[in-house]
PDB file of N, CA and C in Angstrom:
ATOM      1  N   MET A   1      70.941 -27.611  23.496  1.00  0.00           N
ATOM      2  CA  MET A   1      69.643 -27.791  24.104  1.00  0.00           C
ATOM      3  C   MET A   1      69.784 -28.825  25.219  1.00  0.00           C
ATOM      4  N   ALA A   2      69.249 -28.538  26.344  1.00  0.00           N
ATOM      5  CA  ALA A   2      69.329 -29.428  27.494  1.00  0.00           C
ATOM      6  C   ALA A   2      68.470 -30.669  27.273  1.00  0.00           C
ATOM      7  N   GLU A   3      68.767 -31.719  28.032  1.00  0.00           N
ATOM      8  CA  GLU A   3      68.031 -32.971  27.896  1.00  0.00           C
ATOM      9  C   GLU A   3      66.530 -32.760  28.084  1.00  0.00           C
ATOM     10  N   ALA A   4      66.135 -31.990  29.084  1.00  0.00           N
ATOM     11  CA  ALA A   4      64.710 -31.747  29.333  1.00  0.00           C
ATOM     12  C   ALA A   4      64.073 -31.037  28.155  1.00  0.00           C
ATOM     13  N   ASP A   5      64.795 -30.112  27.528  1.00  0.00           N
ATOM     14  CA  ASP A   5      64.257 -29.398  26.376  1.00  0.00           C
ATOM     15  C   ASP A   5      64.075 -30.326  25.186  1.00  0.00           C
ATOM     16  N   GLY A   6      64.928 -31.343  25.036  1.00  0.00           N
ATOM     17  CA  GLY A   6      64.771 -32.315  23.967  1.00  0.00           C
ATOM     18  C   GLY A   6      63.492 -33.109  24.131  1.00  0.00           C
ATOM     19  N   SER A   7      63.206 -33.527  25.344  1.00  0.00           N
ATOM     20  CA  SER A   7      61.963 -34.249  25.610  1.00  0.00           C
ATOM     21  C   SER A   7      60.762 -33.334  25.414  1.00  0.00           C
ATOM     22  N   LEU A   8      60.904 -32.087  25.825  1.00  0.00           N
ATOM     23  CA  LEU A   8      59.832 -31.115  25.661  1.00  0.00           C
ATOM     24  C   LEU A   8      59.579 -30.833  24.181  1.00  0.00           C
ATOM     25  N   LEU A   9      60.625 -30.811  23.388  1.00  0.00           N
ATOM     26  CA  LEU A   9      60.493 -30.612  21.945  1.00  0.00           C
ATOM     27  C   LEU A   9      59.632 -31.724  21.346  1.00  0.00           C
ATOM     28  N   ASP A  10      59.913 -32.961  21.702  1.00  0.00           N
ATOM     29  CA  ASP A  10      59.104 -34.084  21.216  1.00  0.00           C
ATOM     30  C   ASP A  10      57.656 -33.954  21.672  1.00  0.00           C
ATOM     31  N   LEU A  11      57.462 -33.566  22.909  1.00  0.00           N
ATOM     32  CA  LEU A  11      56.109 -33.402  23.443  1.00  0.00           C
ATOM     33  C   LEU A  11      55.340 -32.344  22.656  1.00  0.00           C
ATOM     34  N   TYR A  12      55.974 -31.235  22.353  1.00  0.00           N
ATOM     35  CA  TYR A  12      55.328 -30.173  21.579  1.00  0.00           C
ATOM     36  C   TYR A  12      55.000 -30.634  20.158  1.00  0.00           C
ATOM     37  N   ILE A  13      55.926 -31.352  19.519  1.00  0.00           N
ATOM     38  CA  ILE A  13      55.683 -31.829  18.159  1.00  0.00           C
ATOM     39  C   ILE A  13      54.491 -32.780  18.139  1.00  0.00           C
ATOM     40  N   GLU A  14      54.459 -33.699  19.068  1.00  0.00           N
ATOM     41  CA  GLU A  14      53.409 -34.717  19.097  1.00  0.00           C
ATOM     42  C   GLU A  14      52.052 -34.175  19.539  1.00  0.00           C
ATOM     43  N   ASN A  15      52.029 -33.035  20.213  1.00  0.00           N
ATOM     44  CA  ASN A  15      50.782 -32.480  20.740  1.00  0.00           C
ATOM     45  C   ASN A  15      50.563 -31.042  20.301  1.00  0.00           C
ATOM     46  N   SER A  16      51.075 -30.687  19.138  1.00  0.00           N
ATOM     47  CA  SER A  16      51.036 -29.290  18.693  1.00  0.00           C
ATOM     48  C   SER A  16      49.623 -28.726  18.635  1.00  0.00           C
ATOM     49  N   HIS A  17      48.639 -29.550  18.338  1.00  0.00           N
ATOM     50  CA  HIS A  17      47.264 -29.069  18.248  1.00  0.00           C
ATOM     51  C   HIS A  17      46.655 -28.787  19.619  1.00  0.00           C
ATOM     52  N   HIS A  18      47.325 -29.194  20.709  1.00  0.00           N
ATOM     53  CA  HIS A  18      46.826 -28.948  22.056  1.00  0.00           C
ATOM     54  C   HIS A  18      47.556 -27.809  22.773  1.00  0.00           C
ATOM     55  N   VAL A  19      48.642 -27.313  22.198  1.00  0.00           N
ATOM     56  CA  VAL A  19      49.449 -26.286  22.864  1.00  0.00           C
ATOM     57  C   VAL A  19      48.910 -24.912  22.505  1.00  0.00           C
ATOM     58  N   ASP A  20      48.670 -24.114  23.519  1.00  0.00           N
ATOM     59  CA  ASP A  20      48.194 -22.748  23.335  1.00  0.00           C
ATOM     60  C   ASP A  20      49.405 -21.828  23.253  1.00  0.00           C
ATOM     61  N   ALA A  21      49.803 -21.482  22.035  1.00  0.00           N
ATOM     62  CA  ALA A  21      51.002 -20.672  21.820  1.00  0.00           C
ATOM     63  C   ALA A  21      50.901 -19.314  22.503  1.00  0.00           C
ATOM     64  N   LYS A  22      49.721 -18.738  22.577  1.00  0.00           N
ATOM     65  CA  LYS A  22      49.561 -17.434  23.231  1.00  0.00           C
ATOM     66  C   LYS A  22      49.901 -17.520  24.714  1.00  0.00           C
ATOM     67  N   ARG A  23      49.531 -18.598  25.364  1.00  0.00           N
ATOM     68  CA  ARG A  23      49.829 -18.762  26.787  1.00  0.00           C
ATOM     69  C   ARG A  23      51.315 -18.975  27.031  1.00  0.00           C
ATOM     70  N   LEU A  24      52.042 -19.505  26.028  1.00  0.00           N
ATOM     71  CA  LEU A  24      53.482 -19.706  26.189  1.00  0.00           C
ATOM     72  C   LEU A  24      54.221 -18.373  26.328  1.00  0.00           C
ATOM     73  N   ASN A  25      53.644 -17.296  25.823  1.00  0.00           N
ATOM     74  CA  ASN A  25      54.252 -15.978  25.990  1.00  0.00           C
ATOM     75  C   ASN A  25      54.374 -15.606  27.465  1.00  0.00           C
ATOM     76  N   ASP A  26      53.494 -16.163  28.300  1.00  0.00           N
ATOM     77  CA  ASP A  26      53.554 -15.915  29.740  1.00  0.00           C
ATOM     78  C   ASP A  26      54.683 -16.689  30.408  1.00  0.00           C
ATOM     79  N   CYS A  27      55.235 -17.640  29.708  1.00  0.00           N
ATOM     80  CA  CYS A  27      56.318 -18.459  30.254  1.00  0.00           C
ATOM     81  C   CYS A  27      57.432 -18.548  29.208  1.00  0.00           C
ATOM     82  N   PRO A  28      58.196 -17.487  29.066  1.00  0.00           N
ATOM     83  CA  PRO A  28      59.191 -17.420  27.975  1.00  0.00           C
ATOM     84  C   PRO A  28      60.257 -18.504  28.012  1.00  0.00           C
ATOM     85  N   ARG A  29      60.409 -19.185  29.137  1.00  0.00           N
ATOM     86  CA  ARG A  29      61.397 -20.260  29.230  1.00  0.00           C
ATOM     87  C   ARG A  29      61.136 -21.336  28.184  1.00  0.00           C
ATOM     88  N   PHE A  30      59.867 -21.576  27.856  1.00  0.00           N
ATOM     89  CA  PHE A  30      59.500 -22.636  26.920  1.00  0.00           C
ATOM     90  C   PHE A  30      59.258 -22.139  25.495  1.00  0.00           C
ATOM     91  N   LEU A  31      59.265 -20.837  25.298  1.00  0.00           N
ATOM     92  CA  LEU A  31      58.917 -20.254  23.999  1.00  0.00           C
ATOM     93  C   LEU A  31      59.900 -20.650  22.892  1.00  0.00           C
ATOM     94  N   LYS A  32      61.190 -20.640  23.175  1.00  0.00           N
ATOM     95  CA  LYS A  32      62.201 -20.997  22.170  1.00  0.00           C
ATOM     96  C   LYS A  32      62.018 -22.451  21.704  1.00  0.00           C
ATOM     97  N   THR A  33      61.761 -23.350  22.652  1.00  0.00           N
ATOM     98  CA  THR A  33      61.550 -24.758  22.308  1.00  0.00           C
ATOM     99  C   THR A  33      60.284 -24.918  21.474  1.00  0.00           C
ATOM    100  N   TRP A  34      59.223 -24.202  21.842  1.00  0.00           N
ATOM    101  CA  TRP A  34      57.965 -24.269  21.094  1.00  0.00           C
ATOM    102  C   TRP A  34      58.169 -23.788  19.660  1.00  0.00           C
ATOM    103  N   LYS A  35      58.903 -22.691  19.481  1.00  0.00           N
ATOM    104  CA  LYS A  35      59.142 -22.166  18.131  1.00  0.00           C
ATOM    105  C   LYS A  35      59.907 -23.185  17.293  1.00  0.00           C
ATOM    106  N   ARG A  36      60.865 -23.879  17.882  1.00  0.00           N
ATOM    107  CA  ARG A  36      61.609 -24.897  17.143  1.00  0.00           C
ATOM    108  C   ARG A  36      60.705 -26.089  16.826  1.00  0.00           C
ATOM    109  N   ALA A  37      59.851 -26.455  17.764  1.00  0.00           N
ATOM    110  CA  ALA A  37      58.937 -27.581  17.555  1.00  0.00           C
ATOM    111  C   ALA A  37      57.980 -27.308  16.400  1.00  0.00           C
ATOM    112  N   LYS A  38      57.634 -26.059  16.184  1.00  0.00           N
ATOM    113  CA  LYS A  38      56.723 -25.715  15.088  1.00  0.00           C
ATOM    114  C   LYS A  38      57.338 -26.011  13.726  1.00  0.00           C
ATOM    115  N   THR A  39      58.658 -26.188  13.656  1.00  0.00           N
ATOM    116  CA  THR A  39      59.319 -26.544  12.392  1.00  0.00           C
ATOM    117  C   THR A  39      59.357 -28.051  12.196  1.00  0.00           C
ATOM    118  N   GLY A  40      58.904 -28.810  13.186  1.00  0.00           N
ATOM    119  CA  GLY A  40      59.037 -30.263  13.152  1.00  0.00           C
ATOM    120  C   GLY A  40      57.750 -30.985  12.828  1.00  0.00           C
ATOM    121  N   PHE A  41      57.883 -32.312  12.766  1.00  0.00           N
ATOM    122  CA  PHE A  41      56.737 -33.181  12.503  1.00  0.00           C
ATOM    123  C   PHE A  41      57.042 -34.578  13.020  1.00  0.00           C
ATOM    124  N   ALA A  42      55.998 -35.336  13.269  1.00  0.00           N
ATOM    125  CA  ALA A  42      56.132 -36.713  13.750  1.00  0.00           C
ATOM    126  C   ALA A  42      56.328 -37.654  12.563  1.00  0.00           C
ATOM    127  N   GLU A  43      56.752 -38.882  12.862  1.00  0.00           N
ATOM    128  CA  GLU A  43      56.933 -39.844  11.777  1.00  0.00           C
ATOM    129  C   GLU A  43      55.594 -40.187  11.143  1.00  0.00           C
ATOM    130  N   GLY A  44      55.673 -40.797   9.976  1.00  0.00           N
ATOM    131  CA  GLY A  44      54.493 -41.110   9.187  1.00  0.00           C
ATOM    132  C   GLY A  44      54.701 -40.586   7.772  1.00  0.00           C
ATOM    133  N   SER A  45      53.631 -40.478   7.009  1.00  0.00           N
ATOM    134  CA  SER A  45      53.701 -39.954   5.636  1.00  0.00           C
ATOM    135  C   SER A  45      53.154 -38.534   5.612  1.00  0.00           C
ATOM    136  N   HIS A  46      53.889 -37.646   4.955  1.00  0.00           N
ATOM    137  CA  HIS A  46      53.528 -36.231   4.921  1.00  0.00           C
ATOM    138  C   HIS A  46      53.614 -35.680   3.505  1.00  0.00           C
ATOM    139  N   ASP A  47      52.631 -34.906   3.132  1.00  0.00           N
ATOM    140  CA  ASP A  47      52.562 -34.244   1.836  1.00  0.00           C
ATOM    141  C   ASP A  47      53.484 -33.019   1.863  1.00  0.00           C
ATOM    142  N   VAL A  48      54.525 -33.048   1.034  1.00  0.00           N
ATOM    143  CA  VAL A  48      55.491 -31.949   1.001  1.00  0.00           C
ATOM    144  C   VAL A  48      54.840 -30.722   0.360  1.00  0.00           C
ATOM    145  N   GLY A  49      54.980 -29.595   1.031  1.00  0.00           N
ATOM    146  CA  GLY A  49      54.394 -28.344   0.546  1.00  0.00           C
ATOM    147  C   GLY A  49      53.038 -28.055   1.154  1.00  0.00           C
ATOM    148  N   LYS A  50      52.360 -29.097   1.657  1.00  0.00           N
ATOM    149  CA  LYS A  50      51.053 -28.915   2.294  1.00  0.00           C
ATOM    150  C   LYS A  50      51.138 -29.194   3.792  1.00  0.00           C
ATOM    151  N   GLU A  51      51.671 -30.353   4.154  1.00  0.00           N
ATOM    152  CA  GLU A  51      51.783 -30.717   5.575  1.00  0.00           C
ATOM    153  C   GLU A  51      53.143 -30.345   6.158  1.00  0.00           C
ATOM    154  N   ILE A  52      54.183 -30.472   5.346  1.00  0.00           N
ATOM    155  CA  ILE A  52      55.531 -30.105   5.788  1.00  0.00           C
ATOM    156  C   ILE A  52      56.206 -29.278   4.702  1.00  0.00           C
ATOM    157  N   LYS A  53      57.150 -28.454   5.117  1.00  0.00           N
ATOM    158  CA  LYS A  53      57.898 -27.627   4.172  1.00  0.00           C
ATOM    159  C   LYS A  53      59.171 -28.347   3.743  1.00  0.00           C
ATOM    160  N   ALA A  54      59.641 -27.999   2.555  1.00  0.00           N
ATOM    161  CA  ALA A  54      60.930 -28.505   2.092  1.00  0.00           C
ATOM    162  C   ALA A  54      62.017 -27.939   3.005  1.00  0.00           C
ATOM    163  N   GLY A  55      63.121 -28.656   3.130  1.00  0.00           N
ATOM    164  CA  GLY A  55      64.238 -28.202   3.950  1.00  0.00           C
ATOM    165  C   GLY A  55      65.015 -29.379   4.486  1.00  0.00           C
ATOM    166  N   THR A  56      66.011 -29.099   5.296  1.00  0.00           N
ATOM    167  CA  THR A  56      66.827 -30.128   5.913  1.00  0.00           C
ATOM    168  C   THR A  56      66.326 -30.351   7.333  1.00  0.00           C
ATOM    169  N   TYR A  57      66.078 -31.621   7.649  1.00  0.00           N
ATOM    170  CA  TYR A  57      65.545 -32.004   8.949  1.00  0.00           C
ATOM    171  C   TYR A  57      66.437 -33.055   9.584  1.00  0.00           C
ATOM    172  N   GLU A  58      66.378 -33.132  10.923  1.00  0.00           N
ATOM    173  CA  GLU A  58      67.089 -34.172  11.641  1.00  0.00           C
ATOM    174  C   GLU A  58      66.177 -34.748  12.712  1.00  0.00           C
ATOM    175  N   THR A  59      66.460 -35.979  13.082  1.00  0.00           N
ATOM    176  CA  THR A  59      65.685 -36.624  14.132  1.00  0.00           C
ATOM    177  C   THR A  59      66.001 -35.966  15.469  1.00  0.00           C
ATOM    178  N   THR A  60      65.098 -36.110  16.428  1.00  0.00           N
ATOM    179  CA  THR A  60      65.255 -35.425  17.714  1.00  0.00           C
ATOM    180  C   THR A  60      65.804 -36.304  18.827  1.00  0.00           C
ATOM    181  N   ALA A  61      65.977 -37.596  18.607  1.00  0.00           N
ATOM    182  CA  ALA A  61      66.382 -38.520  19.680  1.00  0.00           C
ATOM    183  C   ALA A  61      67.661 -38.077  20.387  1.00  0.00           C
ATOM    184  N   HIS A  62      68.632 -37.569  19.636  1.00  0.00           N
ATOM    185  CA  HIS A  62      69.915 -37.190  20.238  1.00  0.00           C
ATOM    186  C   HIS A  62      69.783 -36.012  21.206  1.00  0.00           C
ATOM    187  N   LEU A  63      68.723 -35.228  21.075  1.00  0.00           N
ATOM    188  CA  LEU A  63      68.547 -34.059  21.933  1.00  0.00           C
ATOM    189  C   LEU A  63      68.207 -34.437  23.375  1.00  0.00           C
ATOM    190  N   SER A  64      67.723 -35.655  23.564  1.00  0.00           N
ATOM    191  CA  SER A  64      67.414 -36.111  24.926  1.00  0.00           C
ATOM    192  C   SER A  64      68.279 -37.321  25.301  1.00  0.00           C
ATOM    193  N   GLY A  65      69.420 -37.461  24.618  1.00  0.00           N
ATOM    194  CA  GLY A  65      70.369 -38.517  24.953  1.00  0.00           C
ATOM    195  C   GLY A  65      70.074 -39.868  24.331  1.00  0.00           C
ATOM    196  N   GLY A  66      69.108 -39.933  23.427  1.00  0.00           N
ATOM    197  CA  GLY A  66      68.730 -41.198  22.814  1.00  0.00           C
ATOM    198  C   GLY A  66      69.459 -41.473  21.513  1.00  0.00           C
ATOM    199  N   ARG A  67      69.074 -42.556  20.878  1.00  0.00           N
ATOM    200  CA  ARG A  67      69.622 -42.952  19.589  1.00  0.00           C
ATOM    201  C   ARG A  67      68.475 -43.372  18.688  1.00  0.00           C
ATOM    202  N   VAL A  68      68.742 -43.367  17.407  1.00  0.00           N
ATOM    203  CA  VAL A  68      67.770 -43.793  16.408  1.00  0.00           C
ATOM    204  C   VAL A  68      68.152 -45.204  15.984  1.00  0.00           C
ATOM    205  N   GLY A  69      67.172 -46.093  15.924  1.00  0.00           N
ATOM    206  CA  GLY A  69      67.440 -47.466  15.503  1.00  0.00           C
ATOM    207  C   GLY A  69      66.310 -47.988  14.632  1.00  0.00           C
ATOM    208  N   ASP A  70      66.672 -48.763  13.627  1.00  0.00           N
ATOM    209  CA  ASP A  70      65.696 -49.342  12.693  1.00  0.00           C
ATOM    210  C   ASP A  70      64.793 -48.264  12.108  1.00  0.00           C
ATOM    211  N   CYS A  71      65.421 -47.237  11.577  1.00  0.00           N
ATOM    212  CA  CYS A  71      64.744 -46.067  11.005  1.00  0.00           C
ATOM    213  C   CYS A  71      64.746 -46.173   9.480  1.00  0.00           C
ATOM    214  N   TYR A  72      63.561 -46.037   8.898  1.00  0.00           N
ATOM    215  CA  TYR A  72      63.438 -46.020   7.438  1.00  0.00           C
ATOM    216  C   TYR A  72      62.819 -44.689   7.033  1.00  0.00           C
ATOM    217  N   TRP A  73      63.425 -44.006   6.057  1.00  0.00           N
ATOM    218  CA  TRP A  73      62.821 -42.810   5.493  1.00  0.00           C
ATOM    219  C   TRP A  73      62.819 -42.917   3.976  1.00  0.00           C
ATOM    220  N   GLU A  74      61.868 -42.214   3.369  1.00  0.00           N
ATOM    221  CA  GLU A  74      61.727 -42.252   1.912  1.00  0.00           C
ATOM    222  C   GLU A  74      61.171 -40.930   1.402  1.00  0.00           C
ATOM    223  N   ARG A  75      61.795 -40.413   0.359  1.00  0.00           N
ATOM    224  CA  ARG A  75      61.269 -39.275  -0.395  1.00  0.00           C
ATOM    225  C   ARG A  75      60.683 -39.859  -1.670  1.00  0.00           C
ATOM    226  N   SER A  76      59.439 -39.484  -2.002  1.00  0.00           N
ATOM    227  CA  SER A  76      58.803 -40.041  -3.191  1.00  0.00           C
ATOM    228  C   SER A  76      57.991 -38.988  -3.928  1.00  0.00           C
ATOM    229  N   THR A  77      57.611 -39.333  -5.149  1.00  0.00           N
ATOM    230  CA  THR A  77      56.769 -38.451  -5.952  1.00  0.00           C
ATOM    231  C   THR A  77      55.324 -38.587  -5.487  1.00  0.00           C
ATOM    232  N   ASP A  78      54.464 -37.704  -5.970  1.00  0.00           N
ATOM    233  CA  ASP A  78      53.035 -37.822  -5.656  1.00  0.00           C
ATOM    234  C   ASP A  78      52.480 -39.152  -6.154  1.00  0.00           C
ATOM    235  N   GLY A  79      53.062 -39.678  -7.215  1.00  0.00           N
ATOM    236  CA  GLY A  79      52.610 -40.947  -7.772  1.00  0.00           C
ATOM    237  C   GLY A  79      53.168 -42.165  -7.062  1.00  0.00           C
ATOM    238  N   GLY A  80      54.036 -41.968  -6.076  1.00  0.00           N
ATOM    239  CA  GLY A  80      54.560 -43.081  -5.304  1.00  0.00           C
ATOM    240  C   GLY A  80      55.910 -43.608  -5.745  1.00  0.00           C
ATOM    241  N   ARG A  81      56.516 -43.014  -6.773  1.00  0.00           N
ATOM    242  CA  ARG A  81      57.841 -43.460  -7.218  1.00  0.00           C
ATOM    243  C   ARG A  81      58.893 -42.982  -6.216  1.00  0.00           C
ATOM    244  N   THR A  82      59.734 -43.881  -5.745  1.00  0.00           N
ATOM    245  CA  THR A  82      60.770 -43.543  -4.778  1.00  0.00           C
ATOM    246  C   THR A  82      61.860 -42.706  -5.435  1.00  0.00           C
ATOM    247  N   ILE A  83      62.152 -41.571  -4.832  1.00  0.00           N
ATOM    248  CA  ILE A  83      63.233 -40.687  -5.289  1.00  0.00           C
ATOM    249  C   ILE A  83      64.520 -41.049  -4.555  1.00  0.00           C
ATOM    250  N   ALA A  84      64.419 -41.202  -3.232  1.00  0.00           N
ATOM    251  CA  ALA A  84      65.561 -41.574  -2.390  1.00  0.00           C
ATOM    252  C   ALA A  84      65.011 -42.206  -1.125  1.00  0.00           C
ATOM    253  N   ASN A  85      65.797 -43.125  -0.544  1.00  0.00           N
ATOM    254  CA  ASN A  85      65.395 -43.732   0.719  1.00  0.00           C
ATOM    255  C   ASN A  85      66.631 -44.254   1.438  1.00  0.00           C
ATOM    256  N   ASN A  86      66.436 -44.596   2.711  1.00  0.00           N
ATOM    257  CA  ASN A  86      67.542 -45.147   3.479  1.00  0.00           C
ATOM    258  C   ASN A  86      66.973 -45.900   4.680  1.00  0.00           C
ATOM    259  N   TYR A  87      67.695 -46.917   5.093  1.00  0.00           N
ATOM    260  CA  TYR A  87      67.364 -47.664   6.308  1.00  0.00           C
ATOM    261  C   TYR A  87      68.576 -47.571   7.223  1.00  0.00           C
ATOM    262  N   ILE A  88      68.374 -47.036   8.412  1.00  0.00           N
ATOM    263  CA  ILE A  88      69.460 -46.844   9.364  1.00  0.00           C
ATOM    264  C   ILE A  88      69.261 -47.811  10.520  1.00  0.00           C
ATOM    265  N   THR A  89      70.227 -48.692  10.765  1.00  0.00           N
ATOM    266  CA  THR A  89      70.080 -49.655  11.858  1.00  0.00           C
ATOM    267  C   THR A  89      70.369 -49.016  13.208  1.00  0.00           C
ATOM    268  N   ALA A  90      71.329 -48.092  13.281  1.00  0.00           N
ATOM    269  CA  ALA A  90      71.647 -47.403  14.530  1.00  0.00           C
ATOM    270  C   ALA A  90      72.432 -46.135  14.224  1.00  0.00           C
ATOM    271  N   ALA A  91      72.020 -45.036  14.840  1.00  0.00           N
ATOM    272  CA  ALA A  91      72.714 -43.766  14.666  1.00  0.00           C
ATOM    273  C   ALA A  91      72.341 -42.823  15.797  1.00  0.00           C
ATOM    274  N   LYS A  92      73.207 -41.865  16.052  1.00  0.00           N
ATOM    275  CA  LYS A  92      72.903 -40.859  17.060  1.00  0.00           C
ATOM    276  C   LYS A  92      71.794 -39.943  16.555  1.00  0.00           C
ATOM    277  N   LYS A  93      71.892 -39.553  15.276  1.00  0.00           N
ATOM    278  CA  LYS A  93      70.823 -38.773  14.653  1.00  0.00           C
ATOM    279  C   LYS A  93      70.844 -39.049  13.156  1.00  0.00           C
ATOM    280  N   VAL A  94      69.735 -38.751  12.524  1.00  0.00           N
ATOM    281  CA  VAL A  94      69.589 -38.935  11.089  1.00  0.00           C
ATOM    282  C   VAL A  94      69.208 -37.584  10.506  1.00  0.00           C
ATOM    283  N   ARG A  95      69.790 -37.241   9.376  1.00  0.00           N
ATOM    284  CA  ARG A  95      69.516 -35.966   8.707  1.00  0.00           C
ATOM    285  C   ARG A  95      69.123 -36.239   7.261  1.00  0.00           C
ATOM    286  N   VAL A  96      68.106 -35.531   6.782  1.00  0.00           N
ATOM    287  CA  VAL A  96      67.652 -35.680   5.402  1.00  0.00           C
ATOM    288  C   VAL A  96      67.201 -34.332   4.869  1.00  0.00           C
ATOM    289  N   THR A  97      67.446 -34.104   3.591  1.00  0.00           N
ATOM    290  CA  THR A  97      66.970 -32.892   2.930  1.00  0.00           C
ATOM    291  C   THR A  97      65.778 -33.254   2.059  1.00  0.00           C
ATOM    292  N   ILE A  98      64.653 -32.639   2.365  1.00  0.00           N
ATOM    293  CA  ILE A  98      63.414 -32.829   1.623  1.00  0.00           C
ATOM    294  C   ILE A  98      63.324 -31.686   0.620  1.00  0.00           C
ATOM    295  N   ARG A  99      63.135 -32.006  -0.654  1.00  0.00           N
ATOM    296  CA  ARG A  99      63.114 -30.985  -1.706  1.00  0.00           C
ATOM    297  C   ARG A  99      61.683 -30.552  -2.018  1.00  0.00           C
ATOM    298  N   SER A 100      61.543 -29.342  -2.503  1.00  0.00           N
ATOM    299  CA  SER A 100      60.217 -28.818  -2.844  1.00  0.00           C
ATOM    300  C   SER A 100      59.580 -29.605  -3.982  1.00  0.00           C
ATOM    301  N   THR A 101      60.389 -30.321  -4.761  1.00  0.00           N
ATOM    302  CA  THR A 101      59.872 -31.128  -5.862  1.00  0.00           C
ATOM    303  C   THR A 101      59.418 -32.524  -5.404  1.00  0.00           C
ATOM    304  N   ASP A 102      59.686 -32.870  -4.129  1.00  0.00           N
ATOM    305  CA  ASP A 102      59.213 -34.150  -3.579  1.00  0.00           C
ATOM    306  C   ASP A 102      57.703 -34.065  -3.382  1.00  0.00           C
ATOM    307  N   GLY A 103      57.046 -35.195  -3.498  1.00  0.00           N
ATOM    308  CA  GLY A 103      55.609 -35.238  -3.258  1.00  0.00           C
ATOM    309  C   GLY A 103      55.272 -35.654  -1.839  1.00  0.00           C
ATOM    310  N   ILE A 104      55.913 -36.740  -1.390  1.00  0.00           N
ATOM    311  CA  ILE A 104      55.626 -37.314  -0.077  1.00  0.00           C
ATOM    312  C   ILE A 104      56.945 -37.623   0.636  1.00  0.00           C
ATOM    313  N   PHE A 105      56.978 -37.371   1.941  1.00  0.00           N
ATOM    314  CA  PHE A 105      58.093 -37.820   2.773  1.00  0.00           C
ATOM    315  C   PHE A 105      57.505 -38.773   3.807  1.00  0.00           C
ATOM    316  N   THR A 106      58.105 -39.967   3.908  1.00  0.00           N
ATOM    317  CA  THR A 106      57.632 -40.989   4.831  1.00  0.00           C
ATOM    318  C   THR A 106      58.780 -41.436   5.725  1.00  0.00           C
ATOM    319  N   SER A 107      58.483 -41.636   7.003  1.00  0.00           N
ATOM    320  CA  SER A 107      59.484 -42.224   7.900  1.00  0.00           C
ATOM    321  C   SER A 107      58.793 -43.161   8.882  1.00  0.00           C
ATOM    322  N   ARG A 108      59.524 -44.232   9.230  1.00  0.00           N
ATOM    323  CA  ARG A 108      59.046 -45.217  10.201  1.00  0.00           C
ATOM    324  C   ARG A 108      60.191 -45.588  11.123  1.00  0.00           C
ATOM    325  N   GLY A 109      59.923 -45.565  12.421  1.00  0.00           N
ATOM    326  CA  GLY A 109      60.948 -45.961  13.397  1.00  0.00           C
ATOM    327  C   GLY A 109      61.987 -44.897  13.649  1.00  0.00           C
ATOM    328  N   CYS A 110      61.811 -43.713  13.106  1.00  0.00           N
ATOM    329  CA  CYS A 110      62.807 -42.642  13.228  1.00  0.00           C
ATOM    330  C   CYS A 110      62.502 -41.687  14.373  1.00  0.00           C
ATOM    331  N   GLY A 111      61.263 -41.653  14.823  1.00  0.00           N
ATOM    332  CA  GLY A 111      60.875 -40.672  15.823  1.00  0.00           C
ATOM    333  C   GLY A 111      60.493 -39.364  15.149  1.00  0.00           C
ATOM    334  N   ASN A 112      60.564 -38.293  15.914  1.00  0.00           N
ATOM    335  CA  ASN A 112      60.190 -36.970  15.413  1.00  0.00           C
ATOM    336  C   ASN A 112      61.334 -36.320  14.657  1.00  0.00           C
ATOM    337  N   TRP A 113      60.955 -35.369  13.804  1.00  0.00           N
ATOM    338  CA  TRP A 113      61.904 -34.624  12.981  1.00  0.00           C
ATOM    339  C   TRP A 113      61.759 -33.141  13.276  1.00  0.00           C
ATOM    340  N   VAL A 114      62.858 -32.407  13.189  1.00  0.00           N
ATOM    341  CA  VAL A 114      62.853 -30.957  13.387  1.00  0.00           C
ATOM    342  C   VAL A 114      63.815 -30.338  12.381  1.00  0.00           C
ATOM    343  N   ARG A 115      63.507 -29.119  11.951  1.00  0.00           N
ATOM    344  CA  ARG A 115      64.373 -28.450  10.980  1.00  0.00           C
ATOM    345  C   ARG A 115      65.771 -28.300  11.564  1.00  0.00           C
ATOM    346  N   ALA A 116      66.769 -28.691  10.784  1.00  0.00           N
ATOM    347  CA  ALA A 116      68.175 -28.648  11.239  1.00  0.00           C
ATOM    348  C   ALA A 116      68.719 -27.231  11.171  1.00  0.00           C
TER     349      ALA A 116
END
C-alpha cells in the first residue's frame, strides 16, 4: 500500500460515518482502501462482537511511514478482568489477536487498527 493510501486508510477509519460508500463506486481508485478501512477501528474501548469483530489486527502507522510509540492495548472480559495486555514503547507496527470470547478491547496511544 502506498504512503498516500495509508493516510487515506486512517482518514476513512476515523470518518467512516461520513463516507458515502455508494459514491466511492464512481472512483474505484479509492474503493480497495475503503473496503480495508471497513475492517478497522480507532483507538479507545470497543465491545467485541458488537462494535468490532474478533480477529487479528495491526496498527496502521507503518502504512504511511510512521511508528507506534507509547501504545497500550488490553483484552478484557465484560466484567473488566484483564485477559492480556501489553505496553509498547516503540515499534514499526503492533499486532494483536482479539478472540470472540473477549468482552472488551481497549487501546491508547496506538492509533488506528485494521484487520491484518
